Amino acid sequence: MALCSFLNNESLFESLIEKDIRMLYNTFSDFKGVNLMIKGIAHLAFQVSNMPASVKFYEEALGFKQKFTLYDQKNKPWIVYLQLRKDQFIELFFAHEPIVSKSNSSSYQHLCLEVEDIHTVTEEIVRKGYELDQPIIMGLDNNYQCWVHDPDGNPIELMEYGEGSLQLK
């Protein structure tokens, strides 16, 4: 009975349909030329030498939340999942051997995290006792950026899209 009255309320029904169509159009028009089979980046993985220090850094300095830990077949901790958003994670793998220093020829460069207000974020990171690798600058792509690193030295860029951001054109 409730469904019938809902369907008979043409203006409400049309409004909801129109809203859904607008949402779908906006979703797909934002991604013209982008592979729609890929929904996003689910996680990035790091091997870490000091799990407690790494978890503390990602939680305290960057606001991630520990979601769960996976254990291997011998019931030893294997991976700690840190959650940024509902479906975005960083995996921290326990290093069972010393981590070899990364060479300049490594294909990995850095992790970039988008922030809403780079000044507030960097002030909070410093207030919590972490150092910035460089002050906030305007990058060549017209975005504000600043750099930090995790306890294993992995570089992390914090970026706030600027008004003239090349990525958002």
C-alpha atoms as a PDB file:
ATOM      1  CA  MET A   1       0.000   0.000   0.000  1.00  0.00           C
ATOM      2  CA  ALA A   2       2.810   2.433   0.899  1.00  0.00           C
ATOM      3  CA  LEU A   3       4.606   1.698  -2.389  1.00  0.00           C
ATOM      4  CA  CYS A   4       1.408   2.441  -4.338  1.00  0.00           C
ATOM      5  CA  SER A   5       0.947   5.794  -2.647  1.00  0.00           C
ATOM      6  CA  PHE A   6       4.632   6.582  -3.256  1.00  0.00           C
ATOM      7  CA  LEU A   7       4.305   5.739  -6.967  1.00  0.00           C
ATOM      8  CA  ASN A   8       1.090   7.767  -7.193  1.00  0.00           C
ATOM      9  CA  ASN A   9       2.872  10.838  -5.825  1.00  0.00           C
ATOM     10  CA  GLU A  10       4.165  11.867  -9.259  1.00  0.00           C
ATOM     11  CA  SER A  11       6.104  14.938  -8.188  1.00  0.00           C
ATOM     12  CA  LEU A  12       8.039  13.056  -5.482  1.00  0.00           C
ATOM     13  CA  PHE A  13       8.644  10.073  -7.773  1.00  0.00           C
ATOM     14  CA  GLU A  14       9.797  12.314 -10.683  1.00  0.00           C
ATOM     15  CA  SER A  15      12.002  14.314  -8.344  1.00  0.00           C
ATOM     16  CA  LEU A  16      13.764  11.175  -7.103  1.00  0.00           C
ATOM     17  CA  ILE A  17      14.189   9.794 -10.633  1.00  0.00           C
ATOM     18  CA  GLU A  18      15.534  13.137 -11.838  1.00  0.00           C
ATOM     19  CA  LYS A  19      17.946  13.267  -8.903  1.00  0.00           C
ATOM     20  CA  ASP A  20      19.211   9.736  -9.684  1.00  0.00           C
ATOM     21  CA  ILE A  21      19.655  10.581 -13.374  1.00  0.00           C
ATOM     22  CA  ARG A  22      21.562  13.773 -12.484  1.00  0.00           C
ATOM     23  CA  MET A  23      23.772  11.799 -10.087  1.00  0.00           C
ATOM     24  CA  LEU A  24      24.538   9.163 -12.739  1.00  0.00           C
ATOM     25  CA  TYR A  25      25.258  11.813 -15.361  1.00  0.00           C
ATOM     26  CA  ASN A  26      27.582  13.708 -13.010  1.00  0.00           C
ATOM     27  CA  THR A  27      29.348  10.503 -11.996  1.00  0.00           C
ATOM     28  CA  PHE A  28      30.027   9.413 -15.564  1.00  0.00           C
ATOM     29  CA  SER A  29      30.710  12.875 -16.984  1.00  0.00           C
ATOM     30  CA  ASP A  30      33.393  13.431 -14.327  1.00  0.00           C
ATOM     31  CA  PHE A  31      35.286  10.410 -15.640  1.00  0.00           C
ATOM     32  CA  LYS A  32      35.280  10.938 -19.403  1.00  0.00           C
ATOM     33  CA  GLY A  33      38.268   9.093 -20.805  1.00  0.00           C
ATOM     34  CA  VAL A  34      38.935   7.225 -17.551  1.00  0.00           C
ATOM     35  CA  ASN A  35      38.623   3.445 -17.262  1.00  0.00           C
ATOM     36  CA  LEU A  36      35.264   2.949 -15.512  1.00  0.00           C
ATOM     37  CA  MET A  37      36.117  -0.675 -14.702  1.00  0.00           C
ATOM     38  CA  ILE A  38      38.508   0.571 -12.016  1.00  0.00           C
ATOM     39  CA  LYS A  39      36.618   1.986  -9.040  1.00  0.00           C
ATOM     40  CA  GLY A  40      39.571   3.408  -7.148  1.00  0.00           C
ATOM     41  CA  ILE A  41      42.753   2.556  -5.307  1.00  0.00           C
ATOM     42  CA  ALA A  42      41.865   0.062  -2.585  1.00  0.00           C
ATOM     43  CA  HIS A  43      45.158   0.027  -0.710  1.00  0.00           C
ATOM     44  CA  LEU A  44      48.862   0.701  -0.769  1.00  0.00           C
ATOM     45  CA  ALA A  45      51.203  -1.714   0.999  1.00  0.00           C
ATOM     46  CA  PHE A  46      54.433  -1.096   2.903  1.00  0.00           C
ATOM     47  CA  GLN A  47      56.762  -3.464   4.685  1.00  0.00           C
ATOM     48  CA  VAL A  48      57.670  -1.892   8.031  1.00  0.00           C
ATOM     49  CA  SER A  49      60.528  -2.524  10.433  1.00  0.00           C
ATOM     50  CA  ASN A  50      58.755  -1.271  13.576  1.00  0.00           C
ATOM     51  CA  MET A  51      55.013  -2.007  13.500  1.00  0.00           C
ATOM     52  CA  PRO A  52      54.062  -0.100  16.696  1.00  0.00           C
ATOM     53  CA  ALA A  53      55.935   3.036  15.539  1.00  0.00           C
ATOM     54  CA  SER A  54      54.415   2.798  12.046  1.00  0.00           C
ATOM     55  CA  VAL A  55      50.855   2.278  13.318  1.00  0.00           C
ATOM     56  CA  LYS A  56      51.313   5.197  15.726  1.00  0.00           C
ATOM     57  CA  PHE A  57      52.570   7.464  12.911  1.00  0.00           C
ATOM     58  CA  TYR A  58      49.746   6.644  10.487  1.00  0.00           C
ATOM     59  CA  GLU A  59      47.115   6.986  13.229  1.00  0.00           C
ATOM     60  CA  GLU A  60      48.478  10.039  15.057  1.00  0.00           C
ATOM     61  CA  ALA A  61      50.047  12.073  12.282  1.00  0.00           C
ATOM     62  CA  LEU A  62      47.755  11.191   9.379  1.00  0.00           C
ATOM     63  CA  GLY A  63      44.460  10.148  10.995  1.00  0.00           C
ATOM     64  CA  PHE A  64      44.216   6.549   9.790  1.00  0.00           C
ATOM     65  CA  LYS A  65      42.415   4.044  12.042  1.00  0.00           C
ATOM     66  CA  GLN A  66      43.578   0.493  12.655  1.00  0.00           C
ATOM     67  CA  LYS A  67      40.881  -1.763  11.178  1.00  0.00           C
ATOM     68  CA  PHE A  68      42.196  -5.314  11.681  1.00  0.00           C
ATOM     69  CA  THR A  69      45.240  -7.588  11.655  1.00  0.00           C
ATOM     70  CA  LEU A  70      45.663 -10.660   9.469  1.00  0.00           C
ATOM     71  CA  TYR A  71      47.598 -13.659  10.795  1.00  0.00           C
ATOM     72  CA  ASP A  72      49.542 -16.195   8.735  1.00  0.00           C
ATOM     73  CA  GLN A  73      49.153 -19.988   8.880  1.00  0.00           C
ATOM     74  CA  LYS A  74      51.455 -20.123  11.933  1.00  0.00           C
ATOM     75  CA  ASN A  75      49.187 -17.586  13.685  1.00  0.00           C
ATOM     76  CA  LYS A  76      51.872 -14.887  13.537  1.00  0.00           C
ATOM     77  CA  PRO A  77      50.811 -11.296  12.778  1.00  0.00           C
ATOM     78  CA  TRP A  78      51.254 -10.746   9.054  1.00  0.00           C
ATOM     79  CA  ILE A  79      49.465  -7.539   7.929  1.00  0.00           C
ATOM     80  CA  VAL A  80      47.899  -4.629   9.811  1.00  0.00           C
ATOM     81  CA  TYR A  81      45.184  -2.817   7.892  1.00  0.00           C
ATOM     82  CA  LEU A  82      44.845   0.913   8.497  1.00  0.00           C
ATOM     83  CA  GLN A  83      41.682   2.554   7.209  1.00  0.00           C
ATOM     84  CA  LEU A  84      41.495   6.021   5.718  1.00  0.00           C
ATOM     85  CA  ARG A  85      37.962   5.891   4.327  1.00  0.00           C
ATOM     86  CA  LYS A  86      35.305   3.221   4.097  1.00  0.00           C
ATOM     87  CA  ASP A  87      37.073   1.468   1.235  1.00  0.00           C
ATOM     88  CA  GLN A  88      40.632   2.843   1.297  1.00  0.00           C
ATOM     89  CA  PHE A  89      43.445   1.270   3.287  1.00  0.00           C
ATOM     90  CA  ILE A  90      47.160   1.062   3.841  1.00  0.00           C
ATOM     91  CA  GLU A  91      48.522  -2.410   4.522  1.00  0.00           C
ATOM     92  CA  LEU A  92      51.518  -2.592   6.825  1.00  0.00           C
ATOM     93  CA  PHE A  93      53.426  -5.868   6.480  1.00  0.00           C
ATOM     94  CA  PHE A  94      55.622  -7.063   9.334  1.00  0.00           C
ATOM     95  CA  ALA A  95      59.245  -7.152   8.146  1.00  0.00           C
ATOM     96  CA  HIS A  96      60.813 -10.419   9.275  1.00  0.00           C
ATOM     97  CA  GLU A  97      64.216  -9.406   7.919  1.00  0.00           C
ATOM     98  CA  PRO A  98      65.901  -6.001   7.913  1.00  0.00           C
ATOM     99  CA  ILE A  99      64.488  -3.677   5.267  1.00  0.00           C
ATOM    100  CA  VAL A 100      67.097  -2.938   2.621  1.00  0.00           C
ATOM    101  CA  SER A 101      67.583   0.744   1.896  1.00  0.00           C
ATOM    102  CA  LYS A 102      65.716   1.840  -1.199  1.00  0.00           C
ATOM    103  CA  SER A 103      67.860   2.841  -4.165  1.00  0.00           C
ATOM    104  CA  ASN A 104      67.205   5.877  -6.342  1.00  0.00           C
ATOM    105  CA  SER A 105      66.252   3.508  -9.168  1.00  0.00           C
ATOM    106  CA  SER A 106      63.175   2.147  -7.369  1.00  0.00           C
ATOM    107  CA  SER A 107      59.940   2.552  -9.334  1.00  0.00           C
ATOM    108  CA  TYR A 108      58.035   3.577  -6.184  1.00  0.00           C
ATOM    109  CA  GLN A 109      58.215   7.330  -5.618  1.00  0.00           C
ATOM    110  CA  HIS A 110      55.741   8.354  -2.901  1.00  0.00           C
ATOM    111  CA  LEU A 111      52.236   8.188  -1.480  1.00  0.00           C
ATOM    112  CA  CYS A 112      50.117  11.320  -1.955  1.00  0.00           C
ATOM    113  CA  LEU A 113      47.206  12.047   0.381  1.00  0.00           C
ATOM    114  CA  GLU A 114      44.668  14.698  -0.531  1.00  0.00           C
ATOM    115  CA  VAL A 115      43.813  17.011   2.357  1.00  0.00           C
ATOM    116  CA  GLU A 116      41.096  19.614   2.681  1.00  0.00           C
ATOM    117  CA  ASP A 117      43.150  22.265   4.526  1.00  0.00           C
ATOM    118  CA  ILE A 118      46.900  21.725   4.253  1.00  0.00           C
ATOM    119  CA  HIS A 119      47.753  24.422   6.810  1.00  0.00           C
ATOM    120  CA  THR A 120      45.565  22.875   9.518  1.00  0.00           C
ATOM    121  CA  VAL A 121      46.832  19.359   8.739  1.00  0.00           C
ATOM    122  CA  THR A 122      50.516  20.330   8.864  1.00  0.00           C
ATOM    123  CA  GLU A 123      50.043  22.341  12.064  1.00  0.00           C
ATOM    124  CA  GLU A 124      48.440  19.275  13.672  1.00  0.00           C
ATOM    125  CA  ILE A 125      51.247  16.970  12.497  1.00  0.00           C
ATOM    126  CA  VAL A 126      53.882  19.302  13.991  1.00  0.00           C
ATOM    127  CA  ARG A 127      51.853  19.732  17.192  1.00  0.00           C
ATOM    128  CA  LYS A 128      51.890  15.949  17.627  1.00  0.00           C
ATOM    129  CA  GLY A 129      55.695  15.933  17.472  1.00  0.00           C
ATOM    130  CA  TYR A 130      56.339  14.900  13.869  1.00  0.00           C
ATOM    131  CA  GLU A 131      58.602  16.828  11.514  1.00  0.00           C
ATOM    132  CA  LEU A 132      57.761  18.115   8.072  1.00  0.00           C
ATOM    133  CA  ASP A 133      60.336  17.340   5.383  1.00  0.00           C
ATOM    134  CA  GLN A 134      59.635  20.700   3.754  1.00  0.00           C
ATOM    135  CA  PRO A 135      57.283  23.635   4.320  1.00  0.00           C
ATOM    136  CA  ILE A 136      54.085  24.076   2.310  1.00  0.00           C
ATOM    137  CA  ILE A 137      54.743  25.168  -1.273  1.00  0.00           C
ATOM    138  CA  MET A 138      52.675  25.718  -4.411  1.00  0.00           C
ATOM    139  CA  GLY A 139      53.584  22.950  -6.854  1.00  0.00           C
ATOM    140  CA  LEU A 140      53.953  23.279 -10.611  1.00  0.00           C
ATOM    141  CA  ASP A 141      50.511  21.664 -10.963  1.00  0.00           C
ATOM    142  CA  ASN A 142      48.958  24.576  -8.999  1.00  0.00           C
ATOM    143  CA  ASN A 143      48.363  22.553  -5.848  1.00  0.00           C
ATOM    144  CA  TYR A 144      49.650  23.152  -2.342  1.00  0.00           C
ATOM    145  CA  GLN A 145      51.978  20.431  -1.159  1.00  0.00           C
ATOM    146  CA  CYS A 146      54.051  19.464   1.835  1.00  0.00           C
ATOM    147  CA  TRP A 147      56.085  16.350   2.598  1.00  0.00           C
ATOM    148  CA  VAL A 148      56.527  14.044   5.597  1.00  0.00           C
ATOM    149  CA  HIS A 149      57.862  10.498   5.890  1.00  0.00           C
ATOM    150  CA  ASP A 150      56.848   7.445   7.884  1.00  0.00           C
ATOM    151  CA  PRO A 151      59.175   5.696  10.386  1.00  0.00           C
ATOM    152  CA  ASP A 152      60.726   3.617   7.560  1.00  0.00           C
ATOM    153  CA  GLY A 153      61.441   6.717   5.484  1.00  0.00           C
ATOM    154  CA  ASN A 154      58.653   6.268   2.927  1.00  0.00           C
ATOM    155  CA  PRO A 155      57.910   9.724   1.485  1.00  0.00           C
ATOM    156  CA  ILE A 156      54.349  11.007   1.867  1.00  0.00           C
ATOM    157  CA  GLU A 157      53.060  14.038   0.032  1.00  0.00           C
ATOM    158  CA  LEU A 158      50.154  15.970   1.526  1.00  0.00           C
ATOM    159  CA  MET A 159      48.303  17.857  -1.197  1.00  0.00           C
ATOM    160  CA  GLU A 160      45.465  20.376  -1.251  1.00  0.00           C
ATOM    161  CA  TYR A 161      44.035  20.995  -4.700  1.00  0.00           C
ATOM    162  CA  GLY A 162      44.471  24.645  -5.664  1.00  0.00           C
ATOM    163  CA  GLU A 163      42.093  26.846  -7.656  1.00  0.00           C
ATOM    164  CA  GLY A 164      44.076  26.374 -10.862  1.00  0.00           C
ATOM    165  CA  SER A 165      44.798  22.686 -10.263  1.00  0.00           C
ATOM    166  CA  LEU A 166      45.797  20.969 -13.492  1.00  0.00           C
ATOM    167  CA  GLN A 167      44.313  17.679 -12.185  1.00  0.00           C
ATOM    168  CA  LEU A 168      40.859  19.219 -11.760  1.00  0.00           C
ATOM    169  CA  LYS A 169      40.642  20.901 -15.196  1.00  0.00           C
END
